[in-house]
Amino acid sequence: MLRQQAPIRILMVEDSPTDAQLELDTLRRSGIEHVAQRVETEAQLRAALASFEPSIILSDFSLPNFDGLSALKVARELAPHIPFIFVSGRMGEERAIDALHSGAVDYVLKGNLPRLPPAVRRAVEEAAVRRRHEAQIARLDRVLRMLSGVNGAAVRIRDRIELLRESCRVAVSIGGYAAVVAALKVGGNPVIQPVVWQGADDALAQALREV
């Protein structure tokens, strides 16, 4: 079930204000809170993708000055992470298959609007899961590249402090950490003390040194 932290931002490619309102009313009655913006042309779509930052795009298939597949192409070009659903008055099987192959996640006939809320919920949920997975993969990639950099430094650097300094630099520049502190026992002092640190966030680095 979709757990909304904020209203879904819906971008509608639709020339009929009446049809758009029917779709939005259907979503609201199902408990999906939203804010929406309607566009009719390619220029308006491009501008809205840049300024409105939608959670999902709902598009008619046929418009007087635009068409759904062209809208889908623009969306894939500018915002490939945003789910795209066709909501059309008529859409033959061949067109529906072409739409799905082109990147749409679903299609709903205007004569069957009760299908729209579950389709929107599923699309938004799947997009959120995909973003989380992509973020996890990106994080793992940074960690692996960071470890490779630290291992490379260990091969070429013999001085311990210099090695720690380079490891901190790699952790910040490649690993993506805001600040890194390396600590050692210095001399006969039993207390572990910070010896090198690095970070874009000076306040955080200072706080870590004082832990």
Protein backbone atom coordinates (compact mmCIF):
# COMPACT_ATOMS: atom_id res chain seq x y z
CA MET A 1 0.00 0.00 0.00
CA LEU A 2 1.30 3.46 -0.95
CA ARG A 3 2.40 5.38 2.14
CA GLN A 4 2.29 8.99 1.10
CA GLN A 5 4.62 11.37 2.90
CA ALA A 6 3.52 14.18 0.56
CA PRO A 7 0.91 14.56 -2.17
CA ILE A 8 1.79 12.85 -5.45
CA ARG A 9 2.77 15.35 -8.12
CA ILE A 10 0.85 14.44 -11.26
CA LEU A 11 1.71 15.86 -14.67
CA MET A 12 -1.15 15.36 -17.10
CA VAL A 13 -0.72 15.49 -20.88
CA GLU A 14 -4.37 16.04 -21.68
CA ASP A 15 -6.26 18.54 -23.87
CA SER A 16 -9.62 18.04 -22.12
CA PRO A 17 -9.95 19.79 -18.73
CA THR A 18 -13.09 17.75 -18.09
CA ASP A 19 -11.34 14.40 -18.63
CA ALA A 20 -8.40 15.54 -16.52
CA GLN A 21 -10.71 16.49 -13.66
CA LEU A 22 -12.53 13.14 -13.85
CA GLU A 23 -9.21 11.33 -13.52
CA LEU A 24 -8.11 13.48 -10.59
CA ASP A 25 -11.46 13.06 -8.85
CA THR A 26 -11.13 9.29 -9.23
CA LEU A 27 -7.69 9.40 -7.60
CA ARG A 28 -8.88 11.64 -4.77
CA ARG A 29 -11.87 9.41 -3.98
CA SER A 30 -9.49 6.47 -3.70
CA GLY A 31 -7.45 8.33 -1.08
CA ILE A 32 -4.57 9.47 -3.29
CA GLU A 33 -3.75 13.05 -2.35
CA HIS A 34 -2.11 14.96 -5.16
CA VAL A 35 -1.23 18.20 -6.85
CA ALA A 36 -1.54 18.29 -10.60
CA GLN A 37 -0.54 20.29 -13.63
CA ARG A 38 -2.04 19.86 -17.10
CA VAL A 39 -0.20 20.46 -20.38
CA GLU A 40 -1.25 20.12 -24.00
CA THR A 41 1.86 20.70 -26.12
CA GLU A 42 5.43 19.48 -26.32
CA ALA A 43 6.79 22.87 -25.26
CA GLN A 44 4.55 22.88 -22.18
CA LEU A 45 5.58 19.31 -21.35
CA ARG A 46 9.27 20.12 -21.56
CA ALA A 47 8.81 23.18 -19.36
CA ALA A 48 6.74 21.25 -16.79
CA LEU A 49 9.28 18.43 -16.55
CA ALA A 50 11.89 21.03 -15.63
CA SER A 51 9.80 23.10 -13.19
CA PHE A 52 7.00 20.92 -11.79
CA GLU A 53 9.11 17.83 -10.91
CA PRO A 54 6.26 15.30 -11.21
CA SER A 55 6.03 11.96 -9.42
CA ILE A 56 4.11 10.45 -12.33
CA ILE A 57 2.92 11.38 -15.83
CA LEU A 58 -0.60 10.57 -17.07
CA SER A 59 -1.07 11.09 -20.80
CA ASP A 60 -3.84 10.78 -23.34
CA PHE A 61 -2.81 8.94 -26.47
CA SER A 62 -4.24 11.38 -29.00
CA LEU A 63 -4.17 15.16 -28.71
CA PRO A 64 -4.95 17.84 -31.32
CA ASN A 65 -1.41 19.28 -31.39
CA PHE A 66 0.58 16.46 -29.85
CA ASP A 67 0.46 12.68 -29.46
CA GLY A 68 1.05 10.31 -26.59
CA LEU A 69 4.01 8.44 -28.04
CA SER A 70 5.80 11.73 -28.68
CA ALA A 71 5.05 12.77 -25.09
CA LEU A 72 6.46 9.46 -23.90
CA LYS A 73 9.60 9.99 -25.98
CA VAL A 74 10.13 13.45 -24.44
CA ALA A 75 9.58 12.04 -20.94
CA ARG A 76 12.08 9.20 -21.54
CA GLU A 77 14.58 11.77 -22.79
CA LEU A 78 14.25 14.29 -19.96
CA ALA A 79 12.99 12.27 -16.99
CA PRO A 80 13.43 8.52 -17.56
CA HIS A 81 12.92 7.79 -13.84
CA ILE A 82 9.34 9.15 -13.81
CA PRO A 83 6.64 6.50 -14.44
CA PHE A 84 4.41 7.18 -17.45
CA ILE A 85 0.84 5.87 -17.76
CA PHE A 86 -1.44 6.28 -20.78
CA VAL A 87 -5.05 7.17 -19.97
CA SER A 88 -6.92 7.06 -23.25
CA GLY A 89 -10.44 6.92 -24.56
CA ARG A 90 -9.52 4.19 -27.01
CA MET A 91 -6.32 2.29 -27.44
CA GLY A 92 -6.05 -0.81 -29.57
CA GLU A 93 -3.96 -3.79 -28.53
CA GLU A 94 -1.22 -2.98 -31.03
CA ARG A 95 -0.94 0.61 -29.77
CA ALA A 96 -0.92 -0.57 -26.16
CA ILE A 97 1.91 -3.00 -26.86
CA ASP A 98 3.89 -0.29 -28.68
CA ALA A 99 3.38 2.03 -25.70
CA LEU A 100 4.64 -0.52 -23.19
CA HIS A 101 7.62 -1.40 -25.39
CA SER A 102 8.42 2.32 -25.64
CA GLY A 103 8.63 2.74 -21.87
CA ALA A 104 5.12 3.30 -20.53
CA VAL A 105 4.48 1.35 -17.33
CA ASP A 106 0.74 0.88 -17.86
CA TYR A 107 -2.33 2.06 -19.74
CA VAL A 108 -5.87 2.69 -18.50
CA LEU A 109 -8.96 3.24 -20.63
CA LYS A 110 -11.02 6.32 -19.77
CA GLY A 111 -14.06 4.08 -19.71
CA ASN A 112 -12.50 2.08 -16.88
CA LEU A 113 -11.15 4.77 -14.53
CA PRO A 114 -11.49 2.59 -11.38
CA ARG A 115 -8.30 0.91 -12.69
CA LEU A 116 -6.42 4.21 -12.47
CA PRO A 117 -5.78 4.47 -8.69
CA PRO A 118 -4.18 1.01 -8.33
CA ALA A 119 -2.16 1.61 -11.48
CA VAL A 120 -0.87 4.93 -10.09
CA ARG A 121 -0.10 3.41 -6.70
CA ARG A 122 1.81 0.53 -8.24
CA ALA A 123 3.77 2.77 -10.59
CA VAL A 124 4.80 5.23 -7.87
CA GLU A 125 5.74 2.43 -5.46
CA GLU A 126 7.82 0.62 -8.09
CA ALA A 127 9.59 3.85 -9.03
CA ALA A 128 10.45 4.49 -5.37
CA VAL A 129 11.81 0.96 -4.95
CA ARG A 130 13.86 1.34 -8.14
CA ARG A 131 15.35 4.63 -6.91
CA ARG A 132 16.31 3.01 -3.60
CA HIS A 133 17.96 0.09 -5.38
CA GLU A 134 19.83 2.43 -7.72
CA ALA A 135 21.03 4.48 -4.73
CA GLN A 136 22.21 1.31 -2.98
CA ILE A 137 24.06 0.15 -6.09
CA ALA A 138 25.68 3.57 -6.51
CA ARG A 139 26.71 3.53 -2.85
CA LEU A 140 28.23 0.05 -3.18
CA ASP A 141 30.08 1.14 -6.31
CA ARG A 142 31.57 4.12 -4.45
CA VAL A 143 32.63 1.88 -1.56
CA LEU A 144 34.32 -0.59 -3.91
CA ARG A 145 36.14 2.20 -5.74
CA MET A 146 37.16 3.70 -2.38
CA LEU A 147 38.58 0.37 -1.17
CA SER A 148 40.44 -0.04 -4.44
CA GLY A 149 41.94 3.42 -3.98
CA VAL A 150 42.97 2.66 -0.39
CA ASN A 151 44.53 -0.65 -1.44
CA GLY A 152 46.45 1.12 -4.19
CA ALA A 153 47.70 3.70 -1.71
CA ALA A 154 48.83 0.93 0.67
CA VAL A 155 51.01 -0.54 -2.09
CA ARG A 156 52.83 2.68 -2.94
CA ILE A 157 52.89 4.61 0.37
CA ARG A 158 55.10 3.36 3.21
CA ASP A 159 54.73 6.16 5.74
CA ARG A 160 51.84 5.33 8.04
CA ILE A 161 50.59 8.88 8.59
CA GLU A 162 50.80 9.69 4.90
CA LEU A 163 48.89 6.49 4.13
CA LEU A 164 46.15 7.45 6.58
CA ARG A 165 46.01 10.95 5.11
CA GLU A 166 45.61 9.53 1.58
CA SER A 167 43.01 7.03 2.79
CA CYS A 168 40.98 9.86 4.31
CA ARG A 169 41.23 11.82 1.06
CA VAL A 170 40.05 8.81 -0.96
CA ALA A 171 37.16 8.17 1.45
CA VAL A 172 35.92 11.74 0.97
CA SER A 173 36.60 12.22 -2.75
CA ILE A 174 35.56 8.74 -3.95
CA GLY A 175 33.59 7.19 -1.10
CA GLY A 176 31.38 10.24 -0.74
CA TYR A 177 31.82 10.67 3.02
CA ALA A 178 31.30 14.19 4.33
CA ALA A 179 34.22 13.89 6.74
CA VAL A 180 36.70 11.21 7.78
CA VAL A 181 39.01 11.04 10.80
CA ALA A 182 41.79 8.48 11.36
CA ALA A 183 42.97 7.89 14.93
CA LEU A 184 45.96 6.06 16.42
CA LYS A 185 47.68 5.46 19.70
CA VAL A 186 50.47 8.03 19.65
CA GLY A 187 53.66 7.18 21.52
CA GLY A 188 53.02 5.75 24.97
CA ASN A 189 49.68 7.49 25.33
CA PRO A 190 46.99 4.82 25.91
CA VAL A 191 44.28 7.09 24.47
CA ILE A 192 43.51 6.82 20.77
CA GLN A 193 43.97 10.26 19.23
CA PRO A 194 42.97 11.72 15.84
CA VAL A 195 46.05 12.08 13.67
CA VAL A 196 44.67 12.99 10.23
CA TRP A 197 41.28 14.06 8.92
CA GLN A 198 39.63 15.36 5.81
CA GLY A 199 36.21 16.50 4.83
CA ALA A 200 34.11 19.02 2.96
CA ASP A 201 32.17 19.59 6.19
CA ASP A 202 34.66 21.28 8.56
CA ALA A 203 32.20 21.32 11.47
CA LEU A 204 31.57 17.59 11.13
CA ALA A 205 35.29 16.84 10.91
CA GLN A 206 35.85 18.89 14.05
CA ALA A 207 33.04 17.06 15.86
CA LEU A 208 34.51 13.68 14.88
CA ARG A 209 37.94 14.69 16.16
CA GLU A 210 36.40 15.52 19.52
CA VAL A 211 34.53 12.22 19.95
